[in-house]
């Protein structure tokens, strides 16, 4: 298991990545003709990070 500081850093890194993906998803979805493949890929990446954050939260 990771130490407290490294766990905190990992959670912060994952949250930052999740927020960046959310911004990219919003940008793509507000385009006149969103790329549905890209939207799906971004959502999948966000879900993977959310699952990882949940796993880290459980310990």
PDB file of N, CA and C in Angstrom:
ATOM      1  N   UNK A   1       0.845  -1.189   0.000  1.00  0.00           N
ATOM      2  CA  UNK A   1       0.000   0.000   0.000  1.00  0.00           C
ATOM      3  C   UNK A   1       0.878   1.236   0.000  1.00  0.00           C
ATOM      4  N   UNK A   2       0.438   2.280  -0.620  1.00  0.00           N
ATOM      5  CA  UNK A   2       1.201   3.516  -0.718  1.00  0.00           C
ATOM      6  C   UNK A   2       1.184   4.262   0.602  1.00  0.00           C
ATOM      7  N   UNK A   3       2.248   5.026   0.833  1.00  0.00           N
ATOM      8  CA  UNK A   3       2.287   5.841   2.042  1.00  0.00           C
ATOM      9  C   UNK A   3       1.263   6.959   1.915  1.00  0.00           C
ATOM     10  N   UNK A   4       0.977   7.631   3.047  1.00  0.00           N
ATOM     11  CA  UNK A   4      -0.034   8.683   3.063  1.00  0.00           C
ATOM     12  C   UNK A   4       0.222   9.790   2.060  1.00  0.00           C
ATOM     13  N   UNK A   5       1.488  10.274   2.009  1.00  0.00           N
ATOM     14  CA  UNK A   5       1.823  11.363   1.087  1.00  0.00           C
ATOM     15  C   UNK A   5       1.718  10.930  -0.367  1.00  0.00           C
ATOM     16  N   UNK A   6       2.230   9.745  -0.672  1.00  0.00           N
ATOM     17  CA  UNK A   6       2.176   9.302  -2.064  1.00  0.00           C
ATOM     18  C   UNK A   6       0.742   8.989  -2.479  1.00  0.00           C
ATOM     19  N   UNK A   7      -0.064   8.500  -1.543  1.00  0.00           N
ATOM     20  CA  UNK A   7      -1.477   8.246  -1.835  1.00  0.00           C
ATOM     21  C   UNK A   7      -2.198   9.565  -2.113  1.00  0.00           C
ATOM     22  N   UNK A   8      -1.916  10.564  -1.290  1.00  0.00           N
ATOM     23  CA  UNK A   8      -2.517  11.887  -1.496  1.00  0.00           C
ATOM     24  C   UNK A   8      -2.110  12.455  -2.841  1.00  0.00           C
ATOM     25  N   UNK A   9      -0.842  12.316  -3.195  1.00  0.00           N
ATOM     26  CA  UNK A   9      -0.364  12.810  -4.494  1.00  0.00           C
ATOM     27  C   UNK A   9      -1.042  12.081  -5.642  1.00  0.00           C
ATOM     28  N   UNK A  10      -1.210  10.779  -5.508  1.00  0.00           N
ATOM     29  CA  UNK A  10      -1.864   9.998  -6.558  1.00  0.00           C
ATOM     30  C   UNK A  10      -3.322  10.409  -6.715  1.00  0.00           C
ATOM     31  N   UNK A  11      -4.012  10.609  -5.611  1.00  0.00           N
ATOM     32  CA  UNK A  11      -5.415  11.040  -5.664  1.00  0.00           C
ATOM     33  C   UNK A  11      -5.507  12.418  -6.318  1.00  0.00           C
ATOM     34  N   UNK A  12      -4.615  13.321  -5.948  1.00  0.00           N
ATOM     35  CA  UNK A  12      -4.623  14.665  -6.546  1.00  0.00           C
ATOM     36  C   UNK A  12      -4.339  14.592  -8.046  1.00  0.00           C
ATOM     37  N   UNK A  13      -3.405  13.732  -8.437  1.00  0.00           N
ATOM     38  CA  UNK A  13      -3.073  13.573  -9.850  1.00  0.00           C
ATOM     39  C   UNK A  13      -4.271  13.020 -10.622  1.00  0.00           C
ATOM     40  N   UNK A  14      -4.931  12.026 -10.056  1.00  0.00           N
ATOM     41  CA  UNK A  14      -6.097  11.435 -10.711  1.00  0.00           C
ATOM     42  C   UNK A  14      -7.245  12.439 -10.807  1.00  0.00           C
ATOM     43  N   UNK A  15      -7.459  13.205  -9.753  1.00  0.00           N
ATOM     44  CA  UNK A  15      -8.529  14.221  -9.797  1.00  0.00           C
ATOM     45  C   UNK A  15      -8.240  15.283 -10.840  1.00  0.00           C
ATOM     46  N   UNK A  16      -6.980  15.698 -10.936  1.00  0.00           N
ATOM     47  CA  UNK A  16      -6.603  16.696 -11.941  1.00  0.00           C
ATOM     48  C   UNK A  16      -6.830  16.138 -13.347  1.00  0.00           C
ATOM     49  N   UNK A  17      -6.462  14.885 -13.559  1.00  0.00           N
ATOM     50  CA  UNK A  17      -6.669  14.252 -14.864  1.00  0.00           C
ATOM     51  C   UNK A  17      -8.164  14.124 -15.175  1.00  0.00           C
ATOM     52  N   UNK A  18      -8.942  13.762 -14.152  1.00  0.00           N
ATOM     53  CA  UNK A  18     -10.394  13.643 -14.317  1.00  0.00           C
ATOM     54  C   UNK A  18     -10.984  14.995 -14.705  1.00  0.00           C
ATOM     55  N   UNK A  19     -10.536  16.066 -14.051  1.00  0.00           N
ATOM     56  CA  UNK A  19     -11.032  17.412 -14.364  1.00  0.00           C
ATOM     57  C   UNK A  19     -10.643  17.830 -15.780  1.00  0.00           C
ATOM     58  N   UNK A  20      -9.425  17.487 -16.194  1.00  0.00           N
ATOM     59  CA  UNK A  20      -8.979  17.815 -17.550  1.00  0.00           C
ATOM     60  C   UNK A  20      -9.814  17.068 -18.585  1.00  0.00           C
ATOM     61  N   UNK A  21     -10.101  15.804 -18.307  1.00  0.00           N
ATOM     62  CA  UNK A  21     -10.945  15.026 -19.217  1.00  0.00           C
ATOM     63  C   UNK A  21     -12.355  15.597 -19.274  1.00  0.00           C
ATOM     64  N   UNK A  22     -12.862  16.046 -18.140  1.00  0.00           N
ATOM     65  CA  UNK A  22     -14.191  16.647 -18.092  1.00  0.00           C
ATOM     66  C   UNK A  22     -14.236  17.907 -18.959  1.00  0.00           C
ATOM     67  N   UNK A  23     -13.193  18.716 -18.871  1.00  0.00           N
ATOM     68  CA  UNK A  23     -13.125  19.932 -19.687  1.00  0.00           C
ATOM     69  C   UNK A  23     -13.052  19.575 -21.171  1.00  0.00           C
ATOM     70  N   UNK A  24     -12.250  18.568 -21.509  1.00  0.00           N
ATOM     71  CA  UNK A  24     -12.134  18.146 -22.904  1.00  0.00           C
ATOM     72  C   UNK A  24     -13.466  17.593 -23.413  1.00  0.00           C
ATOM     73  N   UNK A  25     -14.155  16.867 -22.558  1.00  0.00           N
ATOM     74  CA  UNK A  25     -15.460  16.316 -22.927  1.00  0.00           C
ATOM     75  C   UNK A  25     -16.469  17.434 -23.171  1.00  0.00           C
ATOM     76  N   UNK A  26     -16.490  18.403 -22.300  1.00  0.00           N
ATOM     77  CA  UNK A  26     -17.400  19.542 -22.460  1.00  0.00           C
ATOM     78  C   UNK A  26     -17.099  20.279 -23.766  1.00  0.00           C
ATOM     79  N   UNK A  27     -15.827  20.498 -24.042  1.00  0.00           N
ATOM     80  CA  UNK A  27     -15.430  21.171 -25.281  1.00  0.00           C
ATOM     81  C   UNK A  27     -15.900  20.382 -26.492  1.00  0.00           C
ATOM     82  N   UNK A  28     -15.669  19.087 -26.473  1.00  0.00           N
ATOM     83  CA  UNK A  28     -16.062  18.248 -27.617  1.00  0.00           C
ATOM     84  C   UNK A  28     -17.582  18.228 -27.785  1.00  0.00           C
ATOM     85  N   UNK A  29     -18.308  18.139 -26.694  1.00  0.00           N
ATOM     86  CA  UNK A  29     -19.764  18.040 -26.776  1.00  0.00           C
ATOM     87  C   UNK A  29     -20.420  19.346 -27.210  1.00  0.00           C
ATOM     88  N   UNK A  30     -19.745  20.466 -27.049  1.00  0.00           N
ATOM     89  CA  UNK A  30     -20.339  21.746 -27.426  1.00  0.00           C
ATOM     90  C   UNK A  30     -19.953  22.164 -28.845  1.00  0.00           C
ATOM     91  N   UNK A  31     -19.142  21.356 -29.509  1.00  0.00           N
ATOM     92  CA  UNK A  31     -18.817  21.622 -30.910  1.00  0.00           C
ATOM     93  C   UNK A  31     -20.065  21.417 -31.765  1.00  0.00           C
ATOM     94  N   UNK A  32     -20.126  22.077 -32.910  1.00  0.00           N
ATOM     95  CA  UNK A  32     -21.295  21.890 -33.782  1.00  0.00           C
ATOM     96  C   UNK A  32     -21.513  20.429 -34.195  1.00  0.00           C
ATOM     97  N   UNK A  33     -20.451  19.700 -34.442  1.00  0.00           N
ATOM     98  CA  UNK A  33     -20.550  18.290 -34.832  1.00  0.00           C
ATOM     99  C   UNK A  33     -19.560  17.487 -33.990  1.00  0.00           C
ATOM    100  N   UNK A  34     -19.948  17.155 -32.752  1.00  0.00           N
ATOM    101  CA  UNK A  34     -19.029  16.424 -31.878  1.00  0.00           C
ATOM    102  C   UNK A  34     -18.629  15.072 -32.463  1.00  0.00           C
ATOM    103  N   UNK A  35     -17.407  14.695 -32.224  1.00  0.00           N
ATOM    104  CA  UNK A  35     -16.892  13.394 -32.637  1.00  0.00           C
ATOM    105  C   UNK A  35     -17.338  12.380 -31.585  1.00  0.00           C
ATOM    106  N   UNK A  36     -18.315  11.569 -31.925  1.00  0.00           N
ATOM    107  CA  UNK A  36     -18.891  10.631 -30.965  1.00  0.00           C
ATOM    108  C   UNK A  36     -17.880   9.589 -30.493  1.00  0.00           C
ATOM    109  N   UNK A  37     -16.954   9.230 -31.348  1.00  0.00           N
ATOM    110  CA  UNK A  37     -15.911   8.285 -30.941  1.00  0.00           C
ATOM    111  C   UNK A  37     -15.037   8.927 -29.866  1.00  0.00           C
ATOM    112  N   UNK A  38     -14.685  10.178 -30.063  1.00  0.00           N
ATOM    113  CA  UNK A  38     -13.879  10.909 -29.078  1.00  0.00           C
ATOM    114  C   UNK A  38     -14.658  11.089 -27.777  1.00  0.00           C
ATOM    115  N   UNK A  39     -15.930  11.429 -27.871  1.00  0.00           N
ATOM    116  CA  UNK A  39     -16.769  11.589 -26.676  1.00  0.00           C
ATOM    117  C   UNK A  39     -16.798  10.275 -25.897  1.00  0.00           C
ATOM    118  N   UNK A  40     -16.992   9.173 -26.579  1.00  0.00           N
ATOM    119  CA  UNK A  40     -17.029   7.867 -25.927  1.00  0.00           C
ATOM    120  C   UNK A  40     -15.692   7.549 -25.254  1.00  0.00           C
ATOM    121  N   UNK A  41     -14.592   7.836 -25.952  1.00  0.00           N
ATOM    122  CA  UNK A  41     -13.261   7.568 -25.400  1.00  0.00           C
ATOM    123  C   UNK A  41     -13.004   8.405 -24.147  1.00  0.00           C
ATOM    124  N   UNK A  42     -13.403   9.667 -24.178  1.00  0.00           N
ATOM    125  CA  UNK A  42     -13.214  10.543 -23.018  1.00  0.00           C
ATOM    126  C   UNK A  42     -14.047  10.059 -21.830  1.00  0.00           C
ATOM    127  N   UNK A  43     -15.281   9.660 -22.093  1.00  0.00           N
ATOM    128  CA  UNK A  43     -16.138   9.153 -21.020  1.00  0.00           C
ATOM    129  C   UNK A  43     -15.555   7.878 -20.420  1.00  0.00           C
ATOM    130  N   UNK A  44     -15.012   7.022 -21.263  1.00  0.00           N
ATOM    131  CA  UNK A  44     -14.420   5.773 -20.798  1.00  0.00           C
ATOM    132  C   UNK A  44     -13.202   6.051 -19.912  1.00  0.00           C
ATOM    133  N   UNK A  45     -12.375   7.011 -20.319  1.00  0.00           N
ATOM    134  CA  UNK A  45     -11.207   7.383 -19.520  1.00  0.00           C
ATOM    135  C   UNK A  45     -11.622   7.968 -18.171  1.00  0.00           C
ATOM    136  N   UNK A  46     -12.658   8.820 -18.199  1.00  0.00           N
ATOM    137  CA  UNK A  46     -13.152   9.405 -16.946  1.00  0.00           C
ATOM    138  C   UNK A  46     -13.654   8.321 -16.001  1.00  0.00           C
ATOM    139  N   UNK A  47     -14.384   7.352 -16.537  1.00  0.00           N
ATOM    140  CA  UNK A  47     -14.914   6.269 -15.710  1.00  0.00           C
ATOM    141  C   UNK A  47     -13.792   5.428 -15.109  1.00  0.00           C
ATOM    142  N   UNK A  48     -12.769   5.170 -15.900  1.00  0.00           N
ATOM    143  CA  UNK A  48     -11.624   4.400 -15.403  1.00  0.00           C
ATOM    144  C   UNK A  48     -10.963   5.130 -14.228  1.00  0.00           C
ATOM    145  N   UNK A  49     -10.802   6.438 -14.354  1.00  0.00           N
ATOM    146  CA  UNK A  49     -10.201   7.222 -13.268  1.00  0.00           C
ATOM    147  C   UNK A  49     -11.117   7.246 -12.051  1.00  0.00           C
ATOM    148  N   UNK A  50     -12.412   7.392 -12.277  1.00  0.00           N
ATOM    149  CA  UNK A  50     -13.366   7.390 -11.162  1.00  0.00           C
ATOM    150  C   UNK A  50     -13.298   6.063 -10.411  1.00  0.00           C
ATOM    151  N   UNK A  51     -13.211   4.966 -11.148  1.00  0.00           N
ATOM    152  CA  UNK A  51     -13.090   3.646 -10.522  1.00  0.00           C
ATOM    153  C   UNK A  51     -11.798   3.542  -9.712  1.00  0.00           C
ATOM    154  N   UNK A  52     -10.708   4.059 -10.251  1.00  0.00           N
ATOM    155  CA  UNK A  52      -9.429   4.027  -9.542  1.00  0.00           C
ATOM    156  C   UNK A  52      -9.492   4.869  -8.262  1.00  0.00           C
ATOM    157  N   UNK A  53     -10.130   6.031  -8.340  1.00  0.00           N
ATOM    158  CA  UNK A  53     -10.285   6.867  -7.144  1.00  0.00           C
ATOM    159  C   UNK A  53     -11.117   6.144  -6.080  1.00  0.00           C
ATOM    160  N   UNK A  54     -12.151   5.462  -6.503  1.00  0.00           N
ATOM    161  CA  UNK A  54     -12.994   4.717  -5.571  1.00  0.00           C
ATOM    162  C   UNK A  54     -12.186   3.587  -4.927  1.00  0.00           C
ATOM    163  N   UNK A  55     -11.362   2.907  -5.719  1.00  0.00           N
ATOM    164  CA  UNK A  55     -10.524   1.832  -5.194  1.00  0.00           C
ATOM    165  C   UNK A  55      -9.529   2.366  -4.157  1.00  0.00           C
ATOM    166  N   UNK A  56      -8.939   3.506  -4.446  1.00  0.00           N
ATOM    167  CA  UNK A  56      -7.988   4.099  -3.505  1.00  0.00           C
ATOM    168  C   UNK A  56      -8.692   4.557  -2.223  1.00  0.00           C
ATOM    169  N   UNK A  57      -9.914   5.034  -2.378  1.00  0.00           N
ATOM    170  CA  UNK A  57     -10.686   5.489  -1.208  1.00  0.00           C
ATOM    171  C   UNK A  57     -11.029   4.338  -0.276  1.00  0.00           C
ATOM    172  N   UNK A  58     -11.289   3.175  -0.867  1.00  0.00           N
ATOM    173  CA  UNK A  58     -11.608   1.990  -0.058  1.00  0.00           C
ATOM    174  C   UNK A  58     -10.384   1.446   0.669  1.00  0.00           C
ATOM    175  N   UNK A  59      -9.206   1.794   0.132  1.00  0.00           N
ATOM    176  CA  UNK A  59      -7.972   1.358   0.783  1.00  0.00           C
ATOM    177  C   UNK A  59      -7.513   0.097   0.243  1.00  0.00           C
TER     178      UNK A  59
END
